[in-house]
Amino acid sequence: MSTIPQILKDTRGSMDKGIENTRREFSSVRSGKASPNMLDTVRVELYGTQMALNQAATIAAPEPRVLIVTPFDKSQLKVIEKAIREAELGLEPSAQGGMIRVPLPAMNEQRRKELVKVVHKYAEEGKIAVRHARTHGRDLLKKLNGVSEDDVKHAEKDLQKLHDDYIHKIDDMIKAKEAEIMEV
């Protein structure tokens, strides 16, 4: 049997997941210097399974403008190189020996604007997750039995406040990430 506090707690948990996912995706968007988690969103098809790149290779940032990807299985070099190229991160990897060098393109104004668009897309996905959580919570509140209409109305207000707080958090994350990208 669900209760109002339980529904609010579960909804907050779902919204936290949405924020966390957005934060993870933001960290994959490049600002000034190379970071291994820039490739966190890259998925690779290996042995018939989709997996995160970091499960198929080690990723290092030995220099500010270069990432080095070393596959655990050298025979998968080309597959991993292709996955990085097709991940819509604007990167041009090149296989050398048993590793893949991923030089980071210089950040010109055009590139920065493209990255800001990518950030906004990720943020919108985060906001959608928060809205879905609110809608799901509201549906559960409506189905509650033995609870007064006033209690449900108050709970819906709490749900809306929770939603607004989380949307505001995502907006703050956008501002911070934009500033980081546009910083020359």
N, C-alpha and C. Protein backbone atom coordinates (compact mmCIF):
# COMPACT_ATOMS: atom_id res chain seq x y z
N MET A 1 0.85 -1.20 0.00
CA MET A 1 0.00 0.00 0.00
C MET A 1 0.88 1.25 0.00
N SER A 2 0.75 2.07 -1.01
CA SER A 2 1.53 3.31 -1.10
C SER A 2 0.96 4.37 -0.17
N THR A 3 1.85 5.22 0.30
CA THR A 3 1.44 6.36 1.12
C THR A 3 1.97 7.62 0.43
N ILE A 4 1.44 8.76 0.81
CA ILE A 4 1.90 10.02 0.21
C ILE A 4 3.40 10.21 0.42
N PRO A 5 3.92 10.05 1.67
CA PRO A 5 5.37 10.22 1.85
C PRO A 5 6.18 9.26 0.98
N GLN A 6 5.69 8.02 0.84
CA GLN A 6 6.41 7.04 0.02
C GLN A 6 6.43 7.46 -1.45
N ILE A 7 5.29 7.94 -1.94
CA ILE A 7 5.20 8.38 -3.34
C ILE A 7 6.16 9.56 -3.57
N LEU A 8 6.16 10.52 -2.63
CA LEU A 8 7.05 11.68 -2.76
C LEU A 8 8.51 11.24 -2.73
N LYS A 9 8.83 10.28 -1.85
CA LYS A 9 10.20 9.79 -1.74
C LYS A 9 10.63 9.11 -3.04
N ASP A 10 9.76 8.24 -3.58
CA ASP A 10 10.08 7.54 -4.83
C ASP A 10 10.24 8.53 -5.99
N THR A 11 9.36 9.54 -6.02
CA THR A 11 9.43 10.54 -7.08
C THR A 11 10.74 11.31 -6.98
N ARG A 12 11.13 11.68 -5.75
CA ARG A 12 12.40 12.39 -5.56
C ARG A 12 13.55 11.50 -6.05
N GLY A 13 13.49 10.21 -5.77
CA GLY A 13 14.52 9.27 -6.22
C GLY A 13 14.62 9.24 -7.74
N SER A 14 13.46 9.21 -8.41
CA SER A 14 13.45 9.21 -9.88
C SER A 14 14.03 10.51 -10.42
N MET A 15 13.68 11.63 -9.78
CA MET A 15 14.20 12.92 -10.23
C MET A 15 15.71 12.99 -10.01
N ASP A 16 16.19 12.42 -8.89
CA ASP A 16 17.64 12.37 -8.63
C ASP A 16 18.36 11.63 -9.75
N LYS A 17 17.74 10.53 -10.20
CA LYS A 17 18.34 9.75 -11.29
C LYS A 17 18.42 10.60 -12.56
N GLY A 18 17.37 11.37 -12.84
CA GLY A 18 17.36 12.24 -14.01
C GLY A 18 18.48 13.27 -13.95
N ILE A 19 18.65 13.88 -12.77
CA ILE A 19 19.72 14.87 -12.57
C ILE A 19 21.09 14.21 -12.72
N GLU A 20 21.25 13.05 -12.10
CA GLU A 20 22.54 12.34 -12.14
C GLU A 20 22.91 11.98 -13.58
N ASN A 21 21.94 11.53 -14.33
CA ASN A 21 22.15 11.18 -15.73
C ASN A 21 22.57 12.41 -16.53
N THR A 22 21.89 13.53 -16.28
CA THR A 22 22.23 14.77 -16.97
C THR A 22 23.65 15.20 -16.61
N ARG A 23 23.99 15.08 -15.33
CA ARG A 23 25.35 15.45 -14.89
C ARG A 23 26.39 14.59 -15.60
N ARG A 24 26.10 13.28 -15.71
CA ARG A 24 27.04 12.36 -16.36
C ARG A 24 27.19 12.74 -17.85
N GLU A 25 26.07 13.04 -18.50
CA GLU A 25 26.14 13.41 -19.91
C GLU A 25 26.87 14.74 -20.09
N PHE A 26 26.65 15.69 -19.17
CA PHE A 26 27.36 16.97 -19.23
C PHE A 26 28.87 16.74 -19.14
N SER A 27 29.28 15.79 -18.29
CA SER A 27 30.72 15.57 -18.10
C SER A 27 31.35 15.01 -19.36
N SER A 28 30.53 14.44 -20.25
CA SER A 28 31.09 13.91 -21.50
C SER A 28 31.25 15.02 -22.55
N VAL A 29 30.66 16.19 -22.29
CA VAL A 29 30.80 17.31 -23.23
C VAL A 29 32.08 18.06 -22.89
N ARG A 30 32.90 18.21 -23.88
CA ARG A 30 34.23 18.77 -23.68
C ARG A 30 34.19 20.26 -23.39
N SER A 31 34.95 20.64 -22.41
CA SER A 31 35.18 22.07 -22.21
C SER A 31 36.60 22.31 -22.69
N GLY A 32 37.46 22.84 -21.89
CA GLY A 32 38.79 23.19 -22.35
C GLY A 32 39.77 22.05 -22.52
N LYS A 33 39.80 21.09 -21.59
CA LYS A 33 40.86 20.10 -21.69
C LYS A 33 40.33 18.67 -21.67
N ALA A 34 41.18 17.76 -22.13
CA ALA A 34 40.82 16.35 -22.24
C ALA A 34 40.52 15.74 -20.87
N SER A 35 39.53 14.89 -20.85
CA SER A 35 39.17 14.16 -19.63
C SER A 35 38.62 12.81 -20.07
N PRO A 36 39.07 11.72 -19.43
CA PRO A 36 38.60 10.38 -19.84
C PRO A 36 37.08 10.25 -19.86
N ASN A 37 36.37 10.96 -18.96
CA ASN A 37 34.90 10.78 -18.95
C ASN A 37 34.21 11.52 -20.09
N MET A 38 34.99 12.17 -20.98
CA MET A 38 34.38 12.75 -22.19
C MET A 38 33.81 11.65 -23.07
N LEU A 39 34.32 10.45 -22.91
CA LEU A 39 33.87 9.33 -23.76
C LEU A 39 32.87 8.42 -23.04
N ASP A 40 32.35 8.88 -21.88
CA ASP A 40 31.40 8.07 -21.11
C ASP A 40 30.14 7.70 -21.88
N THR A 41 29.71 8.55 -22.81
CA THR A 41 28.46 8.27 -23.53
C THR A 41 28.68 7.37 -24.74
N VAL A 42 29.95 7.06 -25.05
CA VAL A 42 30.23 6.21 -26.22
C VAL A 42 29.87 4.76 -25.91
N ARG A 43 29.05 4.17 -26.80
CA ARG A 43 28.64 2.77 -26.65
C ARG A 43 29.31 1.97 -27.77
N VAL A 44 29.77 0.77 -27.43
CA VAL A 44 30.45 -0.08 -28.41
C VAL A 44 29.73 -1.41 -28.51
N GLU A 45 29.60 -1.90 -29.75
CA GLU A 45 28.98 -3.20 -29.99
C GLU A 45 30.11 -4.23 -30.02
N LEU A 46 30.24 -5.01 -28.93
CA LEU A 46 31.28 -6.04 -28.87
C LEU A 46 30.64 -7.38 -28.51
N TYR A 47 31.06 -8.41 -29.22
CA TYR A 47 30.57 -9.77 -28.94
C TYR A 47 29.05 -9.81 -28.88
N GLY A 48 28.40 -9.04 -29.74
CA GLY A 48 26.93 -9.04 -29.82
C GLY A 48 26.24 -8.29 -28.70
N THR A 49 26.99 -7.50 -27.93
CA THR A 49 26.40 -6.76 -26.81
C THR A 49 26.79 -5.29 -26.88
N GLN A 50 25.85 -4.41 -26.56
CA GLN A 50 26.16 -2.99 -26.44
C GLN A 50 26.78 -2.77 -25.07
N MET A 51 27.94 -2.10 -25.03
CA MET A 51 28.53 -1.81 -23.73
C MET A 51 29.17 -0.43 -23.73
N ALA A 52 29.39 0.09 -22.52
CA ALA A 52 30.06 1.38 -22.40
C ALA A 52 31.52 1.20 -22.83
N LEU A 53 32.08 2.22 -23.45
CA LEU A 53 33.46 2.16 -23.92
C LEU A 53 34.42 1.80 -22.80
N ASN A 54 34.19 2.35 -21.59
CA ASN A 54 35.13 2.09 -20.49
C ASN A 54 35.08 0.63 -20.00
N GLN A 55 34.15 -0.18 -20.53
CA GLN A 55 34.13 -1.61 -20.21
C GLN A 55 34.92 -2.40 -21.25
N ALA A 56 35.31 -1.71 -22.33
CA ALA A 56 36.02 -2.39 -23.42
C ALA A 56 37.45 -1.88 -23.58
N ALA A 57 37.77 -0.78 -22.88
CA ALA A 57 39.09 -0.18 -23.05
C ALA A 57 39.43 0.72 -21.86
N THR A 58 40.73 0.99 -21.71
CA THR A 58 41.12 2.00 -20.73
C THR A 58 41.22 3.32 -21.49
N ILE A 59 40.87 4.39 -20.80
CA ILE A 59 40.89 5.71 -21.42
C ILE A 59 41.77 6.60 -20.56
N ALA A 60 42.76 7.23 -21.18
CA ALA A 60 43.66 8.11 -20.45
C ALA A 60 43.77 9.45 -21.16
N ALA A 61 44.12 10.48 -20.39
CA ALA A 61 44.33 11.82 -20.94
C ALA A 61 45.75 12.25 -20.60
N PRO A 62 46.75 11.73 -21.33
CA PRO A 62 48.14 12.05 -21.02
C PRO A 62 48.52 13.49 -21.32
N GLU A 63 47.80 14.13 -22.23
CA GLU A 63 48.06 15.53 -22.59
C GLU A 63 46.73 16.28 -22.56
N PRO A 64 46.78 17.59 -22.43
CA PRO A 64 45.52 18.37 -22.36
C PRO A 64 44.63 18.24 -23.60
N ARG A 65 45.22 17.92 -24.78
CA ARG A 65 44.42 17.88 -26.00
C ARG A 65 44.32 16.51 -26.64
N VAL A 66 44.70 15.46 -25.90
CA VAL A 66 44.69 14.11 -26.48
C VAL A 66 44.15 13.09 -25.49
N LEU A 67 43.30 12.21 -26.00
CA LEU A 67 42.86 11.06 -25.22
C LEU A 67 43.49 9.82 -25.86
N ILE A 68 43.88 8.86 -25.04
CA ILE A 68 44.41 7.60 -25.54
C ILE A 68 43.45 6.50 -25.08
N VAL A 69 42.94 5.74 -26.04
CA VAL A 69 42.03 4.64 -25.74
C VAL A 69 42.76 3.33 -26.06
N THR A 70 42.90 2.48 -25.04
CA THR A 70 43.60 1.20 -25.22
C THR A 70 42.62 0.06 -25.01
N PRO A 71 42.20 -0.60 -26.11
CA PRO A 71 41.23 -1.70 -25.99
C PRO A 71 41.81 -2.88 -25.18
N PHE A 72 40.96 -3.52 -24.38
CA PHE A 72 41.40 -4.71 -23.65
C PHE A 72 41.68 -5.83 -24.65
N ASP A 73 40.86 -5.87 -25.71
CA ASP A 73 41.03 -6.88 -26.77
C ASP A 73 41.46 -6.14 -28.03
N LYS A 74 42.73 -6.30 -28.40
CA LYS A 74 43.31 -5.55 -29.53
C LYS A 74 42.57 -5.81 -30.85
N SER A 75 41.93 -6.97 -30.97
CA SER A 75 41.22 -7.28 -32.22
C SER A 75 39.98 -6.39 -32.40
N GLN A 76 39.59 -5.68 -31.34
CA GLN A 76 38.40 -4.82 -31.40
C GLN A 76 38.75 -3.36 -31.69
N LEU A 77 40.01 -3.10 -32.02
CA LEU A 77 40.49 -1.74 -32.25
C LEU A 77 39.62 -0.96 -33.23
N LYS A 78 39.36 -1.54 -34.41
CA LYS A 78 38.60 -0.85 -35.46
C LYS A 78 37.15 -0.58 -35.03
N VAL A 79 36.55 -1.54 -34.34
CA VAL A 79 35.16 -1.39 -33.88
C VAL A 79 35.07 -0.22 -32.90
N ILE A 80 36.04 -0.15 -31.98
CA ILE A 80 36.04 0.91 -30.98
C ILE A 80 36.31 2.27 -31.64
N GLU A 81 37.26 2.29 -32.57
CA GLU A 81 37.57 3.54 -33.29
C GLU A 81 36.31 4.07 -33.99
N LYS A 82 35.58 3.16 -34.66
CA LYS A 82 34.36 3.52 -35.38
C LYS A 82 33.30 4.06 -34.40
N ALA A 83 33.17 3.41 -33.24
CA ALA A 83 32.17 3.83 -32.24
C ALA A 83 32.46 5.26 -31.76
N ILE A 84 33.73 5.57 -31.55
CA ILE A 84 34.10 6.92 -31.10
C ILE A 84 33.77 7.93 -32.20
N ARG A 85 34.11 7.59 -33.43
CA ARG A 85 33.88 8.49 -34.56
C ARG A 85 32.38 8.78 -34.73
N GLU A 86 31.55 7.75 -34.53
CA GLU A 86 30.11 7.88 -34.77
C GLU A 86 29.32 8.34 -33.55
N ALA A 87 30.00 8.70 -32.46
CA ALA A 87 29.30 9.08 -31.22
C ALA A 87 28.82 10.53 -31.21
N GLU A 88 28.95 11.23 -32.33
CA GLU A 88 28.51 12.62 -32.44
C GLU A 88 29.17 13.54 -31.42
N LEU A 89 30.45 13.28 -31.15
CA LEU A 89 31.20 14.14 -30.23
C LEU A 89 32.17 15.02 -31.02
N GLY A 90 32.15 14.88 -32.34
CA GLY A 90 33.01 15.70 -33.18
C GLY A 90 34.48 15.31 -33.08
N LEU A 91 34.75 14.04 -32.79
CA LEU A 91 36.12 13.58 -32.62
C LEU A 91 36.57 12.72 -33.81
N GLU A 92 37.85 12.80 -34.14
CA GLU A 92 38.43 12.02 -35.23
C GLU A 92 39.53 11.10 -34.68
N PRO A 93 39.15 9.93 -34.19
CA PRO A 93 40.14 9.01 -33.63
C PRO A 93 41.00 8.37 -34.72
N SER A 94 42.22 7.99 -34.36
CA SER A 94 43.06 7.25 -35.32
C SER A 94 43.80 6.15 -34.59
N ALA A 95 43.70 4.92 -35.14
CA ALA A 95 44.36 3.76 -34.54
C ALA A 95 45.85 3.84 -34.82
N GLN A 96 46.65 3.61 -33.78
CA GLN A 96 48.11 3.59 -33.92
C GLN A 96 48.63 2.48 -33.02
N GLY A 97 49.23 1.47 -33.64
CA GLY A 97 49.70 0.35 -32.83
C GLY A 97 48.49 -0.31 -32.19
N GLY A 98 48.57 -0.59 -30.91
CA GLY A 98 47.45 -1.25 -30.22
C GLY A 98 46.55 -0.29 -29.50
N MET A 99 46.62 1.01 -29.87
CA MET A 99 45.79 2.00 -29.18
C MET A 99 45.16 2.96 -30.18
N ILE A 100 44.25 3.78 -29.65
CA ILE A 100 43.58 4.77 -30.49
C ILE A 100 43.89 6.15 -29.91
N ARG A 101 44.45 7.01 -30.74
CA ARG A 101 44.70 8.40 -30.34
C ARG A 101 43.45 9.21 -30.71
N VAL A 102 42.97 9.99 -29.77
CA VAL A 102 41.82 10.84 -30.05
C VAL A 102 42.24 12.29 -29.80
N PRO A 103 42.74 12.97 -30.85
CA PRO A 103 43.11 14.37 -30.67
C PRO A 103 41.85 15.22 -30.56
N LEU A 104 41.88 16.18 -29.67
CA LEU A 104 40.71 17.03 -29.50
C LEU A 104 40.83 18.24 -30.41
N PRO A 105 39.79 18.52 -31.19
CA PRO A 105 39.86 19.68 -32.09
C PRO A 105 39.95 20.97 -31.28
N ALA A 106 40.62 21.95 -31.85
CA ALA A 106 40.70 23.26 -31.19
C ALA A 106 39.28 23.80 -31.05
N MET A 107 39.06 24.50 -29.97
CA MET A 107 37.72 25.02 -29.71
C MET A 107 37.54 26.38 -30.36
N ASN A 108 36.93 26.41 -31.53
CA ASN A 108 36.61 27.70 -32.13
C ASN A 108 35.19 28.08 -31.72
N GLU A 109 34.80 29.28 -32.07
CA GLU A 109 33.48 29.79 -31.67
C GLU A 109 32.36 28.86 -32.15
N GLN A 110 32.48 28.41 -33.41
CA GLN A 110 31.48 27.53 -34.00
C GLN A 110 31.35 26.25 -33.17
N ARG A 111 32.48 25.63 -32.84
CA ARG A 111 32.50 24.39 -32.07
C ARG A 111 31.88 24.59 -30.68
N ARG A 112 32.20 25.71 -30.06
CA ARG A 112 31.64 26.00 -28.73
C ARG A 112 30.12 26.09 -28.80
N LYS A 113 29.62 26.75 -29.86
CA LYS A 113 28.17 26.89 -30.02
C LYS A 113 27.51 25.52 -30.23
N GLU A 114 28.19 24.66 -31.01
CA GLU A 114 27.66 23.30 -31.22
C GLU A 114 27.59 22.55 -29.89
N LEU A 115 28.65 22.68 -29.08
CA LEU A 115 28.67 21.99 -27.79
C LEU A 115 27.58 22.51 -26.86
N VAL A 116 27.32 23.81 -26.92
CA VAL A 116 26.24 24.39 -26.10
C VAL A 116 24.91 23.76 -26.51
N LYS A 117 24.71 23.56 -27.83
CA LYS A 117 23.48 22.91 -28.30
C LYS A 117 23.37 21.50 -27.75
N VAL A 118 24.50 20.77 -27.75
CA VAL A 118 24.50 19.40 -27.22
C VAL A 118 24.12 19.42 -25.74
N VAL A 119 24.68 20.37 -24.99
CA VAL A 119 24.37 20.51 -23.56
C VAL A 119 22.87 20.76 -23.38
N HIS A 120 22.30 21.63 -24.22
CA HIS A 120 20.87 21.92 -24.10
C HIS A 120 20.02 20.68 -24.41
N LYS A 121 20.48 19.86 -25.36
CA LYS A 121 19.76 18.62 -25.68
C LYS A 121 19.78 17.68 -24.47
N TYR A 122 20.96 17.51 -23.87
CA TYR A 122 21.07 16.65 -22.68
C TYR A 122 20.21 17.19 -21.54
N ALA A 123 20.22 18.52 -21.38
CA ALA A 123 19.44 19.14 -20.31
C ALA A 123 17.95 18.89 -20.53
N GLU A 124 17.53 18.99 -21.78
CA GLU A 124 16.11 18.75 -22.09
C GLU A 124 15.73 17.32 -21.74
N GLU A 125 16.62 16.37 -22.04
CA GLU A 125 16.35 14.97 -21.67
C GLU A 125 16.21 14.84 -20.15
N GLY A 126 17.05 15.56 -19.42
CA GLY A 126 16.97 15.54 -17.96
C GLY A 126 15.65 16.11 -17.47
N LYS A 127 15.24 17.22 -18.09
CA LYS A 127 13.97 17.85 -17.70
C LYS A 127 12.79 16.92 -18.01
N ILE A 128 12.88 16.23 -19.13
CA ILE A 128 11.81 15.29 -19.49
C ILE A 128 11.74 14.19 -18.43
N ALA A 129 12.89 13.69 -17.99
CA ALA A 129 12.90 12.65 -16.94
C ALA A 129 12.25 13.16 -15.66
N VAL A 130 12.53 14.42 -15.31
CA VAL A 130 11.94 15.02 -14.11
C VAL A 130 10.42 15.15 -14.28
N ARG A 131 9.99 15.58 -15.47
CA ARG A 131 8.55 15.72 -15.72
C ARG A 131 7.84 14.36 -15.66
N HIS A 132 8.51 13.34 -16.25
CA HIS A 132 7.92 11.99 -16.21
C HIS A 132 7.76 11.53 -14.76
N ALA A 133 8.76 11.79 -13.94
CA ALA A 133 8.70 11.39 -12.53
C ALA A 133 7.52 12.09 -11.84
N ARG A 134 7.35 13.38 -12.13
CA ARG A 134 6.24 14.13 -11.52
C ARG A 134 4.90 13.54 -11.98
N THR A 135 4.76 13.28 -13.27
CA THR A 135 3.52 12.73 -13.82
C THR A 135 3.21 11.37 -13.19
N HIS A 136 4.26 10.54 -13.09
CA HIS A 136 4.08 9.21 -12.50
C HIS A 136 3.64 9.35 -11.03
N GLY A 137 4.28 10.26 -10.31
CA GLY A 137 3.91 10.50 -8.91
C GLY A 137 2.48 10.98 -8.79
N ARG A 138 2.07 11.88 -9.67
CA ARG A 138 0.71 12.43 -9.65
C ARG A 138 -0.31 11.30 -9.92
N ASP A 139 0.02 10.44 -10.89
CA ASP A 139 -0.88 9.32 -11.19
C ASP A 139 -1.05 8.41 -9.97
N LEU A 140 0.06 8.15 -9.26
CA LEU A 140 -0.01 7.31 -8.07
C LEU A 140 -0.85 7.98 -6.98
N LEU A 141 -0.71 9.30 -6.82
CA LEU A 141 -1.49 10.03 -5.81
C LEU A 141 -2.98 9.91 -6.10
N LYS A 142 -3.34 10.02 -7.39
CA LYS A 142 -4.76 9.95 -7.77
C LYS A 142 -5.37 8.59 -7.47
N LYS A 143 -4.51 7.55 -7.46
CA LYS A 143 -5.01 6.19 -7.24
C LYS A 143 -5.10 5.82 -5.76
N LEU A 144 -4.61 6.69 -4.88
CA LEU A 144 -4.62 6.37 -3.45
C LEU A 144 -6.05 6.25 -2.92
N ASN A 145 -6.25 5.25 -2.07
CA ASN A 145 -7.56 5.07 -1.43
C ASN A 145 -7.47 5.48 0.03
N GLY A 146 -8.57 5.95 0.58
CA GLY A 146 -8.63 6.28 2.00
C GLY A 146 -7.80 7.52 2.35
N VAL A 147 -7.58 8.38 1.36
CA VAL A 147 -6.84 9.62 1.62
C VAL A 147 -7.75 10.77 1.20
N SER A 148 -7.79 11.80 2.05
CA SER A 148 -8.70 12.92 1.73
C SER A 148 -8.22 13.66 0.49
N GLU A 149 -9.18 14.30 -0.17
CA GLU A 149 -8.89 15.06 -1.38
C GLU A 149 -7.90 16.19 -1.07
N ASP A 150 -8.04 16.79 0.13
CA ASP A 150 -7.14 17.87 0.54
C ASP A 150 -5.70 17.37 0.65
N ASP A 151 -5.53 16.17 1.24
CA ASP A 151 -4.18 15.60 1.38
C ASP A 151 -3.56 15.37 0.01
N VAL A 152 -4.37 14.87 -0.93
CA VAL A 152 -3.87 14.62 -2.28
C VAL A 152 -3.48 15.96 -2.93
N LYS A 153 -4.32 17.01 -2.74
CA LYS A 153 -4.02 18.33 -3.31
C LYS A 153 -2.70 18.88 -2.74
N HIS A 154 -2.52 18.74 -1.40
CA HIS A 154 -1.28 19.20 -0.77
C HIS A 154 -0.09 18.42 -1.33
N ALA A 155 -0.26 17.12 -1.48
CA ALA A 155 0.82 16.28 -1.99
C ALA A 155 1.16 16.67 -3.43
N GLU A 156 0.13 17.00 -4.23
CA GLU A 156 0.38 17.43 -5.61
C GLU A 156 1.16 18.74 -5.63
N LYS A 157 0.84 19.64 -4.67
CA LYS A 157 1.61 20.90 -4.56
C LYS A 157 3.07 20.59 -4.23
N ASP A 158 3.29 19.66 -3.29
CA ASP A 158 4.65 19.27 -2.92
C ASP A 158 5.38 18.69 -4.13
N LEU A 159 4.66 17.88 -4.89
CA LEU A 159 5.21 17.26 -6.09
C LEU A 159 5.63 18.34 -7.09
N GLN A 160 4.78 19.34 -7.27
CA GLN A 160 5.07 20.43 -8.20
C GLN A 160 6.29 21.22 -7.73
N LYS A 161 6.38 21.45 -6.40
CA LYS A 161 7.52 22.18 -5.86
C LYS A 161 8.80 21.38 -6.09
N LEU A 162 8.73 20.09 -5.88
CA LEU A 162 9.86 19.20 -6.11
C LEU A 162 10.30 19.31 -7.58
N HIS A 163 9.33 19.23 -8.47
CA HIS A 163 9.57 19.34 -9.91
C HIS A 163 10.28 20.66 -10.23
N ASP A 164 9.74 21.77 -9.70
CA ASP A 164 10.31 23.09 -9.98
C ASP A 164 11.75 23.18 -9.47
N ASP A 165 12.00 22.62 -8.27
CA ASP A 165 13.36 22.64 -7.71
C ASP A 165 14.33 21.89 -8.62
N TYR A 166 13.91 20.74 -9.11
CA TYR A 166 14.79 19.94 -9.95
C TYR A 166 15.03 20.58 -11.32
N ILE A 167 13.99 21.19 -11.87
CA ILE A 167 14.14 21.89 -13.15
C ILE A 167 15.12 23.05 -12.96
N HIS A 168 15.01 23.72 -11.81
CA HIS A 168 15.91 24.84 -11.49
C HIS A 168 17.36 24.33 -11.37
N LYS A 169 17.54 23.16 -10.75
CA LYS A 169 18.89 22.57 -10.63
C LYS A 169 19.49 22.33 -12.02
N ILE A 170 18.67 21.81 -12.93
CA ILE A 170 19.15 21.54 -14.29
C ILE A 170 19.50 22.86 -14.99
N ASP A 171 18.67 23.90 -14.80
CA ASP A 171 18.96 25.21 -15.39
C ASP A 171 20.30 25.75 -14.87
N ASP A 172 20.55 25.56 -13.57
CA ASP A 172 21.84 26.00 -12.99
C ASP A 172 22.99 25.22 -13.61
N MET A 173 22.79 23.91 -13.82
CA MET A 173 23.82 23.08 -14.42
C MET A 173 24.12 23.56 -15.85
N ILE A 174 23.07 23.95 -16.59
CA ILE A 174 23.24 24.45 -17.96
C ILE A 174 24.11 25.70 -17.93
N LYS A 175 23.75 26.65 -17.04
CA LYS A 175 24.50 27.91 -16.96
C LYS A 175 25.97 27.65 -16.69
N ALA A 176 26.25 26.77 -15.72
CA ALA A 176 27.64 26.48 -15.35
C ALA A 176 28.39 25.83 -16.51
N LYS A 177 27.75 24.87 -17.17
CA LYS A 177 28.42 24.15 -18.26
C LYS A 177 28.63 25.09 -19.45
N GLU A 178 27.65 25.94 -19.74
CA GLU A 178 27.79 26.91 -20.84
C GLU A 178 28.97 27.82 -20.58
N ALA A 179 29.08 28.32 -19.35
CA ALA A 179 30.18 29.23 -19.00
C ALA A 179 31.51 28.50 -19.19
N GLU A 180 31.56 27.25 -18.77
CA GLU A 180 32.78 26.44 -18.90
C GLU A 180 33.16 26.26 -20.38
N ILE A 181 32.17 26.01 -21.24
CA ILE A 181 32.43 25.80 -22.67
C ILE A 181 32.86 27.10 -23.35
N MET A 182 32.21 28.19 -23.02
CA MET A 182 32.46 29.46 -23.71
C MET A 182 33.74 30.15 -23.22
N GLU A 183 34.25 29.69 -22.08
CA GLU A 183 35.49 30.27 -21.53
C GLU A 183 36.64 29.98 -22.49
N VAL A 184 37.32 31.01 -22.95
CA VAL A 184 38.41 30.80 -23.91
C VAL A 184 39.75 30.64 -23.21
